[in-house]
Amino acid sequence: YDHFSIEEATQLQNQLRHNLANQTDIKDFTTIAGA
């Protein structure tokens, strides 16, 4: 995203937000990661 303007970044965030899932996809898991 090095060549993105803040306006372009805002537009992409507004597009992506509609794809967010608000239900847990995984219940039984044995590993977790930190980033």
PDB file of all heavy atoms in Angstrom:
ATOM      1  N   TYR A   1       0.812  -1.210   0.000  1.00  0.00           N
ATOM      2  CA  TYR A   1       0.000   0.000   0.000  1.00  0.00           C
ATOM      3  C   TYR A   1       0.847   1.261   0.000  1.00  0.00           C
ATOM      4  O   TYR A   1       0.336   2.350   0.301  1.00  0.00           O
ATOM      5  CB  TYR A   1      -0.895   0.008   1.242  1.00  0.00           C
ATOM      6  CG  TYR A   1      -1.824  -1.177   1.362  1.00  0.00           C
ATOM      7  CD1 TYR A   1      -1.640  -2.136   2.353  1.00  0.00           C
ATOM      8  CD2 TYR A   1      -2.905  -1.323   0.495  1.00  0.00           C
ATOM      9  CE1 TYR A   1      -2.492  -3.211   2.480  1.00  0.00           C
ATOM     10  CE2 TYR A   1      -3.772  -2.400   0.611  1.00  0.00           C
ATOM     11  CZ  TYR A   1      -3.557  -3.345   1.608  1.00  0.00           C
ATOM     12  OH  TYR A   1      -4.409  -4.412   1.721  1.00  0.00           O
ATOM     13  N   ASP A   2       2.109   1.157  -0.340  1.00  0.00           N
ATOM     14  CA  ASP A   2       3.007   2.302  -0.208  1.00  0.00           C
ATOM     15  C   ASP A   2       2.560   3.516  -1.021  1.00  0.00           C
ATOM     16  O   ASP A   2       2.850   4.654  -0.650  1.00  0.00           O
ATOM     17  CB  ASP A   2       4.426   1.910  -0.610  1.00  0.00           C
ATOM     18  CG  ASP A   2       5.116   1.066   0.461  1.00  0.00           C
ATOM     19  OD1 ASP A   2       4.553   0.935   1.562  1.00  0.00           O
ATOM     20  OD2 ASP A   2       6.205   0.530   0.182  1.00  0.00           O
ATOM     21  N   HIS A   3       1.856   3.284  -2.116  1.00  0.00           N
ATOM     22  CA  HIS A   3       1.462   4.399  -2.972  1.00  0.00           C
ATOM     23  C   HIS A   3       0.016   4.822  -2.740  1.00  0.00           C
ATOM     24  O   HIS A   3      -0.500   5.674  -3.471  1.00  0.00           O
ATOM     25  CB  HIS A   3       1.680   4.040  -4.441  1.00  0.00           C
ATOM     26  CG  HIS A   3       3.110   3.698  -4.757  1.00  0.00           C
ATOM     27  ND1 HIS A   3       4.123   4.624  -4.681  1.00  0.00           N
ATOM     28  CD2 HIS A   3       3.705   2.529  -5.099  1.00  0.00           C
ATOM     29  CE1 HIS A   3       5.284   4.044  -4.990  1.00  0.00           C
ATOM     30  NE2 HIS A   3       5.053   2.781  -5.240  1.00  0.00           N
ATOM     31  N   PHE A   4      -0.627   4.255  -1.730  1.00  0.00           N
ATOM     32  CA  PHE A   4      -1.992   4.646  -1.402  1.00  0.00           C
ATOM     33  C   PHE A   4      -2.011   6.018  -0.738  1.00  0.00           C
ATOM     34  O   PHE A   4      -1.188   6.312   0.137  1.00  0.00           O
ATOM     35  CB  PHE A   4      -2.610   3.635  -0.431  1.00  0.00           C
ATOM     36  CG  PHE A   4      -3.464   2.584  -1.088  1.00  0.00           C
ATOM     37  CD1 PHE A   4      -3.025   1.914  -2.205  1.00  0.00           C
ATOM     38  CD2 PHE A   4      -4.705   2.266  -0.567  1.00  0.00           C
ATOM     39  CE1 PHE A   4      -3.803   0.937  -2.799  1.00  0.00           C
ATOM     40  CE2 PHE A   4      -5.494   1.296  -1.146  1.00  0.00           C
ATOM     41  CZ  PHE A   4      -5.050   0.637  -2.275  1.00  0.00           C
ATOM     42  N   SER A   5      -2.959   6.832  -1.111  1.00  0.00           N
ATOM     43  CA  SER A   5      -3.248   8.046  -0.360  1.00  0.00           C
ATOM     44  C   SER A   5      -4.182   7.688   0.792  1.00  0.00           C
ATOM     45  O   SER A   5      -4.782   6.611   0.817  1.00  0.00           O
ATOM     46  CB  SER A   5      -3.926   9.081  -1.262  1.00  0.00           C
ATOM     47  OG  SER A   5      -5.220   8.624  -1.642  1.00  0.00           O
ATOM     48  N   ILE A   6      -4.316   8.587   1.747  1.00  0.00           N
ATOM     49  CA  ILE A   6      -5.239   8.352   2.849  1.00  0.00           C
ATOM     50  C   ILE A   6      -6.668   8.237   2.321  1.00  0.00           C
ATOM     51  O   ILE A   6      -7.468   7.420   2.823  1.00  0.00           O
ATOM     52  CB  ILE A   6      -5.134   9.464   3.902  1.00  0.00           C
ATOM     53  CG1 ILE A   6      -3.735   9.442   4.540  1.00  0.00           C
ATOM     54  CG2 ILE A   6      -6.205   9.311   4.970  1.00  0.00           C
ATOM     55  CD1 ILE A   6      -3.378   8.128   5.230  1.00  0.00           C
ATOM     56  N   GLU A   7      -7.010   9.006   1.300  1.00  0.00           N
ATOM     57  CA  GLU A   7      -8.353   8.923   0.721  1.00  0.00           C
ATOM     58  C   GLU A   7      -8.590   7.535   0.117  1.00  0.00           C
ATOM     59  O   GLU A   7      -9.670   6.959   0.281  1.00  0.00           O
ATOM     60  CB  GLU A   7      -8.533  10.002  -0.349  1.00  0.00           C
ATOM     61  CG  GLU A   7      -8.584  11.424   0.189  1.00  0.00           C
ATOM     62  CD  GLU A   7      -7.209  11.962   0.607  1.00  0.00           C
ATOM     63  OE1 GLU A   7      -6.176  11.366   0.215  1.00  0.00           O
ATOM     64  OE2 GLU A   7      -7.179  12.979   1.334  1.00  0.00           O
ATOM     65  N   GLU A   8      -7.590   7.002  -0.587  1.00  0.00           N
ATOM     66  CA  GLU A   8      -7.731   5.661  -1.162  1.00  0.00           C
ATOM     67  C   GLU A   8      -7.809   4.597  -0.068  1.00  0.00           C
ATOM     68  O   GLU A   8      -8.574   3.627  -0.185  1.00  0.00           O
ATOM     69  CB  GLU A   8      -6.557   5.377  -2.100  1.00  0.00           C
ATOM     70  CG  GLU A   8      -6.583   6.185  -3.377  1.00  0.00           C
ATOM     71  CD  GLU A   8      -5.287   6.065  -4.159  1.00  0.00           C
ATOM     72  OE1 GLU A   8      -4.200   5.960  -3.545  1.00  0.00           O
ATOM     73  OE2 GLU A   8      -5.353   6.084  -5.412  1.00  0.00           O
ATOM     74  N   ALA A   9      -7.031   4.777   0.981  1.00  0.00           N
ATOM     75  CA  ALA A   9      -7.067   3.828   2.090  1.00  0.00           C
ATOM     76  C   ALA A   9      -8.435   3.848   2.767  1.00  0.00           C
ATOM     77  O   ALA A   9      -8.986   2.784   3.117  1.00  0.00           O
ATOM     78  CB  ALA A   9      -5.965   4.158   3.098  1.00  0.00           C
ATOM     79  N   THR A  10      -8.997   5.020   2.955  1.00  0.00           N
ATOM     80  CA  THR A  10     -10.330   5.134   3.555  1.00  0.00           C
ATOM     81  C   THR A  10     -11.372   4.435   2.695  1.00  0.00           C
ATOM     82  O   THR A  10     -12.242   3.705   3.196  1.00  0.00           O
ATOM     83  CB  THR A  10     -10.711   6.609   3.733  1.00  0.00           C
ATOM     84  OG1 THR A  10      -9.734   7.256   4.542  1.00  0.00           O
ATOM     85  CG2 THR A  10     -12.077   6.747   4.376  1.00  0.00           C
ATOM     86  N   GLN A  11     -11.285   4.640   1.388  1.00  0.00           N
ATOM     87  CA  GLN A  11     -12.229   4.003   0.474  1.00  0.00           C
ATOM     88  C   GLN A  11     -12.132   2.483   0.558  1.00  0.00           C
ATOM     89  O   GLN A  11     -13.153   1.780   0.580  1.00  0.00           O
ATOM     90  CB  GLN A  11     -11.970   4.466  -0.959  1.00  0.00           C
ATOM     91  CG  GLN A  11     -12.957   3.908  -1.974  1.00  0.00           C
ATOM     92  CD  GLN A  11     -12.675   4.406  -3.380  1.00  0.00           C
ATOM     93  OE1 GLN A  11     -11.583   4.878  -3.687  1.00  0.00           O
ATOM     94  NE2 GLN A  11     -13.670   4.300  -4.252  1.00  0.00           N
ATOM     95  N   LEU A  12     -10.913   1.956   0.628  1.00  0.00           N
ATOM     96  CA  LEU A  12     -10.744   0.505   0.717  1.00  0.00           C
ATOM     97  C   LEU A  12     -11.285  -0.030   2.037  1.00  0.00           C
ATOM     98  O   LEU A  12     -11.937  -1.083   2.069  1.00  0.00           O
ATOM     99  CB  LEU A  12      -9.272   0.132   0.554  1.00  0.00           C
ATOM    100  CG  LEU A  12      -8.971  -1.371   0.570  1.00  0.00           C
ATOM    101  CD1 LEU A  12      -9.763  -2.107  -0.510  1.00  0.00           C
ATOM    102  CD2 LEU A  12      -7.481  -1.629   0.393  1.00  0.00           C
ATOM    103  N   GLN A  13     -11.045   0.681   3.128  1.00  0.00           N
ATOM    104  CA  GLN A  13     -11.610   0.243   4.405  1.00  0.00           C
ATOM    105  C   GLN A  13     -13.130   0.175   4.340  1.00  0.00           C
ATOM    106  O   GLN A  13     -13.740  -0.794   4.830  1.00  0.00           O
ATOM    107  CB  GLN A  13     -11.179   1.195   5.529  1.00  0.00           C
ATOM    108  CG  GLN A  13      -9.733   1.032   5.953  1.00  0.00           C
ATOM    109  CD  GLN A  13      -9.359   1.991   7.075  1.00  0.00           C
ATOM    110  OE1 GLN A  13      -9.991   3.030   7.263  1.00  0.00           O
ATOM    111  NE2 GLN A  13      -8.336   1.646   7.832  1.00  0.00           N
ATOM    112  N   ASN A  14     -13.740   1.156   3.736  1.00  0.00           N
ATOM    113  CA  ASN A  14     -15.196   1.165   3.634  1.00  0.00           C
ATOM    114  C   ASN A  14     -15.714   0.033   2.757  1.00  0.00           C
ATOM    115  O   ASN A  14     -16.824  -0.473   2.977  1.00  0.00           O
ATOM    116  CB  ASN A  14     -15.684   2.518   3.101  1.00  0.00           C
ATOM    117  CG  ASN A  14     -15.654   3.600   4.165  1.00  0.00           C
ATOM    118  OD1 ASN A  14     -15.929   3.337   5.330  1.00  0.00           O
ATOM    119  ND2 ASN A  14     -15.319   4.824   3.765  1.00  0.00           N
ATOM    120  N   GLN A  15     -14.927  -0.377   1.772  1.00  0.00           N
ATOM    121  CA  GLN A  15     -15.312  -1.517   0.945  1.00  0.00           C
ATOM    122  C   GLN A  15     -15.153  -2.831   1.709  1.00  0.00           C
ATOM    123  O   GLN A  15     -16.037  -3.691   1.710  1.00  0.00           O
ATOM    124  CB  GLN A  15     -14.468  -1.542  -0.331  1.00  0.00           C
ATOM    125  CG  GLN A  15     -14.734  -0.403  -1.294  1.00  0.00           C
ATOM    126  CD  GLN A  15     -13.728  -0.366  -2.434  1.00  0.00           C
ATOM    127  OE1 GLN A  15     -12.770  -1.139  -2.483  1.00  0.00           O
ATOM    128  NE2 GLN A  15     -13.936   0.552  -3.364  1.00  0.00           N
ATOM    129  N   LEU A  16     -14.014  -2.977   2.386  1.00  0.00           N
ATOM    130  CA  LEU A  16     -13.707  -4.235   3.054  1.00  0.00           C
ATOM    131  C   LEU A  16     -14.628  -4.516   4.240  1.00  0.00           C
ATOM    132  O   LEU A  16     -14.950  -5.665   4.519  1.00  0.00           O
ATOM    133  CB  LEU A  16     -12.254  -4.227   3.531  1.00  0.00           C
ATOM    134  CG  LEU A  16     -11.165  -4.264   2.462  1.00  0.00           C
ATOM    135  CD1 LEU A  16      -9.787  -4.165   3.111  1.00  0.00           C
ATOM    136  CD2 LEU A  16     -11.252  -5.537   1.629  1.00  0.00           C
ATOM    137  N   ARG A  17     -15.065  -3.489   4.932  1.00  0.00           N
ATOM    138  CA  ARG A  17     -15.837  -3.688   6.158  1.00  0.00           C
ATOM    139  C   ARG A  17     -17.101  -4.510   5.921  1.00  0.00           C
ATOM    140  O   ARG A  17     -17.581  -5.197   6.824  1.00  0.00           O
ATOM    141  CB  ARG A  17     -16.198  -2.348   6.788  1.00  0.00           C
ATOM    142  CG  ARG A  17     -17.127  -1.494   5.947  1.00  0.00           C
ATOM    143  CD  ARG A  17     -17.449  -0.160   6.613  1.00  0.00           C
ATOM    144  NE  ARG A  17     -18.226  -0.331   7.832  1.00  0.00           N
ATOM    145  CZ  ARG A  17     -18.639   0.675   8.591  1.00  0.00           C
ATOM    146  NH1 ARG A  17     -18.319   1.923   8.264  1.00  0.00           N
ATOM    147  NH2 ARG A  17     -19.358   0.457   9.660  1.00  0.00           N
ATOM    148  N   HIS A  18     -17.636  -4.452   4.719  1.00  0.00           N
ATOM    149  CA  HIS A  18     -18.871  -5.184   4.417  1.00  0.00           C
ATOM    150  C   HIS A  18     -18.646  -6.691   4.333  1.00  0.00           C
ATOM    151  O   HIS A  18     -19.609  -7.465   4.324  1.00  0.00           O
ATOM    152  CB  HIS A  18     -19.472  -4.663   3.110  1.00  0.00           C
ATOM    153  CG  HIS A  18     -19.855  -3.217   3.163  1.00  0.00           C
ATOM    154  ND1 HIS A  18     -20.855  -2.724   3.985  1.00  0.00           N
ATOM    155  CD2 HIS A  18     -19.337  -2.134   2.515  1.00  0.00           C
ATOM    156  CE1 HIS A  18     -20.961  -1.413   3.833  1.00  0.00           C
ATOM    157  NE2 HIS A  18     -20.047  -1.030   2.950  1.00  0.00           N
ATOM    158  N   ASN A  19     -17.396  -7.115   4.284  1.00  0.00           N
ATOM    159  CA  ASN A  19     -17.089  -8.549   4.204  1.00  0.00           C
ATOM    160  C   ASN A  19     -16.762  -9.163   5.558  1.00  0.00           C
ATOM    161  O   ASN A  19     -16.493 -10.368   5.639  1.00  0.00           O
ATOM    162  CB  ASN A  19     -15.906  -8.770   3.253  1.00  0.00           C
ATOM    163  CG  ASN A  19     -16.219  -8.339   1.836  1.00  0.00           C
ATOM    164  OD1 ASN A  19     -17.332  -8.549   1.342  1.00  0.00           O
ATOM    165  ND2 ASN A  19     -15.253  -7.722   1.172  1.00  0.00           N
ATOM    166  N   LEU A  20     -16.754  -8.365   6.618  1.00  0.00           N
ATOM    167  CA  LEU A  20     -16.415  -8.889   7.936  1.00  0.00           C
ATOM    168  C   LEU A  20     -17.487  -9.850   8.425  1.00  0.00           C
ATOM    169  O   LEU A  20     -18.685  -9.611   8.262  1.00  0.00           O
ATOM    170  CB  LEU A  20     -16.256  -7.750   8.938  1.00  0.00           C
ATOM    171  CG  LEU A  20     -15.016  -6.869   8.783  1.00  0.00           C
ATOM    172  CD1 LEU A  20     -15.112  -5.685   9.735  1.00  0.00           C
ATOM    173  CD2 LEU A  20     -13.747  -7.662   9.049  1.00  0.00           C
ATOM    174  N   ALA A  21     -17.048 -10.952   9.051  1.00  0.00           N
ATOM    175  CA  ALA A  21     -17.956 -11.916   9.666  1.00  0.00           C
ATOM    176  C   ALA A  21     -17.897 -11.745  11.174  1.00  0.00           C
ATOM    177  O   ALA A  21     -16.801 -11.711  11.756  1.00  0.00           O
ATOM    178  CB  ALA A  21     -17.559 -13.340   9.273  1.00  0.00           C
ATOM    179  N   ASN A  22     -19.060 -11.646  11.811  1.00  0.00           N
ATOM    180  CA  ASN A  22     -19.099 -11.383  13.249  1.00  0.00           C
ATOM    181  C   ASN A  22     -19.480 -12.613  14.078  1.00  0.00           C
ATOM    182  O   ASN A  22     -19.881 -12.485  15.231  1.00  0.00           O
ATOM    183  CB  ASN A  22     -20.056 -10.224  13.555  1.00  0.00           C
ATOM    184  CG  ASN A  22     -21.487 -10.515  13.112  1.00  0.00           C
ATOM    185  OD1 ASN A  22     -21.808 -11.610  12.666  1.00  0.00           O
ATOM    186  ND2 ASN A  22     -22.350  -9.512  13.232  1.00  0.00           N
ATOM    187  N   GLN A  23     -19.350 -13.790  13.483  1.00  0.00           N
ATOM    188  CA  GLN A  23     -19.557 -15.040  14.205  1.00  0.00           C
ATOM    189  C   GLN A  23     -18.255 -15.836  14.236  1.00  0.00           C
ATOM    190  O   GLN A  23     -17.496 -15.834  13.260  1.00  0.00           O
ATOM    191  CB  GLN A  23     -20.662 -15.877  13.554  1.00  0.00           C
ATOM    192  CG  GLN A  23     -22.031 -15.222  13.618  1.00  0.00           C
ATOM    193  CD  GLN A  23     -22.516 -15.029  15.048  1.00  0.00           C
ATOM    194  OE1 GLN A  23     -22.348 -15.903  15.888  1.00  0.00           O
ATOM    195  NE2 GLN A  23     -23.119 -13.870  15.319  1.00  0.00           N
ATOM    196  N   THR A  24     -18.024 -16.537  15.333  1.00  0.00           N
ATOM    197  CA  THR A  24     -16.767 -17.260  15.491  1.00  0.00           C
ATOM    198  C   THR A  24     -16.700 -18.429  14.507  1.00  0.00           C
ATOM    199  O   THR A  24     -17.606 -19.251  14.439  1.00  0.00           O
ATOM    200  CB  THR A  24     -16.621 -17.767  16.931  1.00  0.00           C
ATOM    201  OG1 THR A  24     -16.716 -16.643  17.806  1.00  0.00           O
ATOM    202  CG2 THR A  24     -15.279 -18.458  17.134  1.00  0.00           C
ATOM    203  N   ASP A  25     -15.603 -18.461  13.746  1.00  0.00           N
ATOM    204  CA  ASP A  25     -15.437 -19.471  12.696  1.00  0.00           C
ATOM    205  C   ASP A  25     -14.913 -20.786  13.248  1.00  0.00           C
ATOM    206  O   ASP A  25     -15.094 -21.824  12.635  1.00  0.00           O
ATOM    207  CB  ASP A  25     -14.460 -18.926  11.638  1.00  0.00           C
ATOM    208  CG  ASP A  25     -14.256 -19.892  10.477  1.00  0.00           C
ATOM    209  OD1 ASP A  25     -15.265 -20.236   9.838  1.00  0.00           O
ATOM    210  OD2 ASP A  25     -13.111 -20.290  10.229  1.00  0.00           O
ATOM    211  N   ILE A  26     -14.281 -20.764  14.399  1.00  0.00           N
ATOM    212  CA  ILE A  26     -13.631 -21.958  14.919  1.00  0.00           C
ATOM    213  C   ILE A  26     -13.936 -22.070  16.410  1.00  0.00           C
ATOM    214  O   ILE A  26     -13.879 -21.081  17.140  1.00  0.00           O
ATOM    215  CB  ILE A  26     -12.104 -21.906  14.666  1.00  0.00           C
ATOM    216  CG1 ILE A  26     -11.441 -23.207  15.109  1.00  0.00           C
ATOM    217  CG2 ILE A  26     -11.460 -20.684  15.276  1.00  0.00           C
ATOM    218  CD1 ILE A  26      -9.992 -23.318  14.637  1.00  0.00           C
ATOM    219  N   LYS A  27     -14.303 -23.259  16.858  1.00  0.00           N
ATOM    220  CA  LYS A  27     -14.665 -23.469  18.262  1.00  0.00           C
ATOM    221  C   LYS A  27     -13.608 -24.273  19.003  1.00  0.00           C
ATOM    222  O   LYS A  27     -13.151 -23.879  20.063  1.00  0.00           O
ATOM    223  CB  LYS A  27     -16.019 -24.179  18.341  1.00  0.00           C
ATOM    224  CG  LYS A  27     -17.189 -23.341  17.852  1.00  0.00           C
ATOM    225  CD  LYS A  27     -17.477 -22.181  18.781  1.00  0.00           C
ATOM    226  CE  LYS A  27     -18.725 -21.417  18.352  1.00  0.00           C
ATOM    227  NZ  LYS A  27     -18.993 -20.249  19.223  1.00  0.00           N
ATOM    228  N   ASP A  28     -13.244 -25.417  18.462  1.00  0.00           N
ATOM    229  CA  ASP A  28     -12.273 -26.291  19.123  1.00  0.00           C
ATOM    230  C   ASP A  28     -10.918 -26.124  18.441  1.00  0.00           C
ATOM    231  O   ASP A  28     -10.697 -26.631  17.348  1.00  0.00           O
ATOM    232  CB  ASP A  28     -12.726 -27.745  19.050  1.00  0.00           C
ATOM    233  CG  ASP A  28     -14.048 -27.961  19.774  1.00  0.00           C
ATOM    234  OD1 ASP A  28     -14.205 -27.407  20.873  1.00  0.00           O
ATOM    235  OD2 ASP A  28     -14.913 -28.672  19.220  1.00  0.00           O
ATOM    236  N   PHE A  29     -10.027 -25.391  19.086  1.00  0.00           N
ATOM    237  CA  PHE A  29      -8.706 -25.183  18.503  1.00  0.00           C
ATOM    238  C   PHE A  29      -7.661 -25.361  19.586  1.00  0.00           C
ATOM    239  O   PHE A  29      -7.924 -25.167  20.777  1.00  0.00           O
ATOM    240  CB  PHE A  29      -8.609 -23.802  17.843  1.00  0.00           C
ATOM    241  CG  PHE A  29      -8.856 -22.646  18.778  1.00  0.00           C
ATOM    242  CD1 PHE A  29      -7.814 -21.982  19.393  1.00  0.00           C
ATOM    243  CD2 PHE A  29     -10.154 -22.214  19.034  1.00  0.00           C
ATOM    244  CE1 PHE A  29      -8.027 -20.922  20.252  1.00  0.00           C
ATOM    245  CE2 PHE A  29     -10.387 -21.146  19.891  1.00  0.00           C
ATOM    246  CZ  PHE A  29      -9.325 -20.499  20.498  1.00  0.00           C
ATOM    247  N   THR A  30      -6.475 -25.732  19.179  1.00  0.00           N
ATOM    248  CA  THR A  30      -5.406 -26.047  20.131  1.00  0.00           C
ATOM    249  C   THR A  30      -4.198 -25.138  19.977  1.00  0.00           C
ATOM    250  O   THR A  30      -3.235 -25.282  20.724  1.00  0.00           O
ATOM    251  CB  THR A  30      -4.968 -27.508  19.973  1.00  0.00           C
ATOM    252  OG1 THR A  30      -4.514 -27.723  18.625  1.00  0.00           O
ATOM    253  CG2 THR A  30      -6.117 -28.463  20.264  1.00  0.00           C
ATOM    254  N   THR A  31      -4.224 -24.222  19.019  1.00  0.00           N
ATOM    255  CA  THR A  31      -3.124 -23.269  18.847  1.00  0.00           C
ATOM    256  C   THR A  31      -3.688 -21.883  18.628  1.00  0.00           C
ATOM    257  O   THR A  31      -4.768 -21.697  18.064  1.00  0.00           O
ATOM    258  CB  THR A  31      -2.216 -23.636  17.656  1.00  0.00           C
ATOM    259  OG1 THR A  31      -3.003 -23.691  16.456  1.00  0.00           O
ATOM    260  CG2 THR A  31      -1.498 -24.948  17.894  1.00  0.00           C
ATOM    261  N   ILE A  32      -2.924 -20.905  19.093  1.00  0.00           N
ATOM    262  CA  ILE A  32      -3.274 -19.501  18.911  1.00  0.00           C
ATOM    263  C   ILE A  32      -1.980 -18.750  18.617  1.00  0.00           C
ATOM    264  O   ILE A  32      -0.908 -19.135  19.109  1.00  0.00           O
ATOM    265  CB  ILE A  32      -3.978 -18.945  20.164  1.00  0.00           C
ATOM    266  CG1 ILE A  32      -4.605 -17.576  19.896  1.00  0.00           C
ATOM    267  CG2 ILE A  32      -3.041 -18.913  21.374  1.00  0.00           C
ATOM    268  CD1 ILE A  32      -5.583 -17.133  20.987  1.00  0.00           C
ATOM    269  N   ALA A  33      -2.057 -17.719  17.795  1.00  0.00           N
ATOM    270  CA  ALA A  33      -0.848 -16.978  17.421  1.00  0.00           C
ATOM    271  C   ALA A  33      -0.956 -15.527  17.857  1.00  0.00           C
ATOM    272  O   ALA A  33      -2.051 -14.958  17.942  1.00  0.00           O
ATOM    273  CB  ALA A  33      -0.619 -17.052  15.917  1.00  0.00           C
ATOM    274  N   GLY A  34       0.182 -14.937  18.117  1.00  0.00           N
ATOM    275  CA  GLY A  34       0.288 -13.501  18.314  1.00  0.00           C
ATOM    276  C   GLY A  34       1.072 -12.901  17.162  1.00  0.00           C
ATOM    277  O   GLY A  34       2.032 -13.514  16.671  1.00  0.00           O
ATOM    278  N   ALA A  35       0.668 -11.718  16.719  1.00  0.00           N
ATOM    279  CA  ALA A  35       1.345 -11.040  15.612  1.00  0.00           C
ATOM    280  C   ALA A  35       1.689  -9.621  16.024  1.00  0.00           C
ATOM    281  O   ALA A  35       0.874  -8.925  16.632  1.00  0.00           O
ATOM    282  CB  ALA A  35       0.457 -11.024  14.370  1.00  0.00           C
TER     283      ALA A  35
END
